[in-house]
Amino acid sequence: MTLAQISDYLFLGSLGLLIVTLFVKGRGMLGYMVDESGATTDLQLKEHNHLEVTKNQDTFVRTIFKSYFVWISIIGMITAILITL
């Protein structure tokens, strides 16, 4: 196995880990929500206050960057790129 093959596998593995992590972390931020009355409504159909939407987006970004798996996958991809140079 050559360094190029190792680099390819490392990059693809890191990319796969990043995709899975973003999917799992992002799953809780999208979809359905429950109103105060207990009724379930679709987030895309419900009107939101701009401040609330911005706060949710900021929370999502913070959640992503606090994840160890995101940083491990980014470091793996950078390492794979450096190996090929």
C-alpha atoms as a PDB file:
ATOM      1  CA  MET A   1       0.000   0.000   0.000  1.00  0.00           C
ATOM      2  CA  THR A   2       1.490   3.328  -1.060  1.00  0.00           C
ATOM      3  CA  LEU A   3       1.231   6.689   0.641  1.00  0.00           C
ATOM      4  CA  ALA A   4      -1.165   7.897  -2.038  1.00  0.00           C
ATOM      5  CA  GLN A   5      -3.565   5.044  -1.286  1.00  0.00           C
ATOM      6  CA  ILE A   6      -3.313   5.660   2.463  1.00  0.00           C
ATOM      7  CA  SER A   7      -3.991   9.333   1.854  1.00  0.00           C
ATOM      8  CA  ASP A   8      -7.020   8.520  -0.300  1.00  0.00           C
ATOM      9  CA  TYR A   9      -8.501   6.196   2.322  1.00  0.00           C
ATOM     10  CA  LEU A  10      -7.814   8.690   5.113  1.00  0.00           C
ATOM     11  CA  PHE A  11      -9.465  11.508   3.172  1.00  0.00           C
ATOM     12  CA  LEU A  12     -12.527   9.439   2.249  1.00  0.00           C
ATOM     13  CA  GLY A  13     -12.890   8.128   5.796  1.00  0.00           C
ATOM     14  CA  SER A  14     -12.608  11.622   7.234  1.00  0.00           C
ATOM     15  CA  LEU A  15     -15.106  12.967   4.714  1.00  0.00           C
ATOM     16  CA  GLY A  16     -17.535  10.177   5.562  1.00  0.00           C
ATOM     17  CA  LEU A  17     -17.165  10.886   9.284  1.00  0.00           C
ATOM     18  CA  LEU A  18     -17.805  14.582   8.666  1.00  0.00           C
ATOM     19  CA  ILE A  19     -20.949  13.877   6.629  1.00  0.00           C
ATOM     20  CA  VAL A  20     -22.333  11.462   9.229  1.00  0.00           C
ATOM     21  CA  THR A  21     -21.560  13.881  12.064  1.00  0.00           C
ATOM     22  CA  LEU A  22     -23.230  16.796  10.303  1.00  0.00           C
ATOM     23  CA  PHE A  23     -26.259  14.629   9.527  1.00  0.00           C
ATOM     24  CA  VAL A  24     -26.611  13.424  13.120  1.00  0.00           C
ATOM     25  CA  LYS A  25     -26.011  16.843  14.691  1.00  0.00           C
ATOM     26  CA  GLY A  26     -28.241  18.642  12.206  1.00  0.00           C
ATOM     27  CA  ARG A  27     -31.114  16.229  12.596  1.00  0.00           C
ATOM     28  CA  GLY A  28     -32.209  17.751  15.883  1.00  0.00           C
ATOM     29  CA  MET A  29     -32.395  21.249  14.412  1.00  0.00           C
ATOM     30  CA  LEU A  30     -34.717  20.454  11.497  1.00  0.00           C
ATOM     31  CA  GLY A  31     -38.079  18.809  11.087  1.00  0.00           C
ATOM     32  CA  TYR A  32     -41.038  19.212  13.382  1.00  0.00           C
ATOM     33  CA  MET A  33     -41.572  21.219  16.529  1.00  0.00           C
ATOM     34  CA  VAL A  34     -44.275  21.235  19.173  1.00  0.00           C
ATOM     35  CA  ASP A  35     -46.257  24.389  19.943  1.00  0.00           C
ATOM     36  CA  GLU A  36     -47.207  25.508  23.418  1.00  0.00           C
ATOM     37  CA  SER A  37     -50.633  23.977  22.805  1.00  0.00           C
ATOM     38  CA  GLY A  38     -49.029  20.595  22.129  1.00  0.00           C
ATOM     39  CA  ALA A  39     -49.879  20.536  18.417  1.00  0.00           C
ATOM     40  CA  THR A  40     -47.135  19.470  16.033  1.00  0.00           C
ATOM     41  CA  THR A  41     -46.420  21.891  13.191  1.00  0.00           C
ATOM     42  CA  ASP A  42     -43.992  21.844  10.295  1.00  0.00           C
ATOM     43  CA  LEU A  43     -41.108  24.271  10.834  1.00  0.00           C
ATOM     44  CA  GLN A  44     -41.193  25.448   7.246  1.00  0.00           C
ATOM     45  CA  LEU A  45     -44.885  26.338   7.456  1.00  0.00           C
ATOM     46  CA  LYS A  46     -44.659  28.098  10.812  1.00  0.00           C
ATOM     47  CA  GLU A  47     -43.786  31.780  10.795  1.00  0.00           C
ATOM     48  CA  HIS A  48     -40.835  32.646  12.987  1.00  0.00           C
ATOM     49  CA  ASN A  49     -39.492  35.747  14.520  1.00  0.00           C
ATOM     50  CA  HIS A  50     -36.225  36.738  12.785  1.00  0.00           C
ATOM     51  CA  LEU A  51     -34.381  36.901  16.096  1.00  0.00           C
ATOM     52  CA  GLU A  52     -35.479  33.374  17.012  1.00  0.00           C
ATOM     53  CA  VAL A  53     -34.348  31.979  13.650  1.00  0.00           C
ATOM     54  CA  THR A  54     -30.966  33.712  13.955  1.00  0.00           C
ATOM     55  CA  LYS A  55     -30.524  32.378  17.479  1.00  0.00           C
ATOM     56  CA  ASN A  56     -31.299  28.821  16.304  1.00  0.00           C
ATOM     57  CA  GLN A  57     -28.770  29.119  13.479  1.00  0.00           C
ATOM     58  CA  ASP A  58     -26.086  30.398  15.859  1.00  0.00           C
ATOM     59  CA  THR A  59     -26.782  27.541  18.243  1.00  0.00           C
ATOM     60  CA  PHE A  60     -26.490  25.027  15.391  1.00  0.00           C
ATOM     61  CA  VAL A  61     -23.112  26.408  14.292  1.00  0.00           C
ATOM     62  CA  ARG A  62     -21.802  26.346  17.865  1.00  0.00           C
ATOM     63  CA  THR A  63     -23.008  22.775  18.290  1.00  0.00           C
ATOM     64  CA  ILE A  64     -21.188  21.684  15.147  1.00  0.00           C
ATOM     65  CA  PHE A  65     -17.881  23.298  16.079  1.00  0.00           C
ATOM     66  CA  LYS A  66     -18.001  21.876  19.625  1.00  0.00           C
ATOM     67  CA  SER A  67     -18.164  18.336  18.263  1.00  0.00           C
ATOM     68  CA  TYR A  68     -14.951  16.339  18.538  1.00  0.00           C
ATOM     69  CA  PHE A  69     -15.878  14.252  15.497  1.00  0.00           C
ATOM     70  CA  VAL A  70     -15.971  17.360  13.284  1.00  0.00           C
ATOM     71  CA  TRP A  71     -12.490  18.371  14.376  1.00  0.00           C
ATOM     72  CA  ILE A  72     -11.147  14.820  14.017  1.00  0.00           C
ATOM     73  CA  SER A  73     -12.478  14.628  10.463  1.00  0.00           C
ATOM     74  CA  ILE A  74     -11.075  18.059   9.550  1.00  0.00           C
ATOM     75  CA  ILE A  75      -7.654  17.112  10.947  1.00  0.00           C
ATOM     76  CA  GLY A  76      -7.819  13.801   9.037  1.00  0.00           C
ATOM     77  CA  MET A  77      -8.587  15.589   5.773  1.00  0.00           C
ATOM     78  CA  ILE A  78      -5.770  18.107   6.308  1.00  0.00           C
ATOM     79  CA  THR A  79      -3.371  15.251   7.116  1.00  0.00           C
ATOM     80  CA  ALA A  80      -4.406  13.412   3.945  1.00  0.00           C
ATOM     81  CA  ILE A  81      -3.774  16.523   1.875  1.00  0.00           C
ATOM     82  CA  LEU A  82      -0.373  17.050   3.478  1.00  0.00           C
ATOM     83  CA  ILE A  83       0.612  13.427   2.798  1.00  0.00           C
ATOM     84  CA  THR A  84      -0.043  13.869  -0.916  1.00  0.00           C
ATOM     85  CA  LEU A  85       2.177  16.939  -1.167  1.00  0.00           C
END
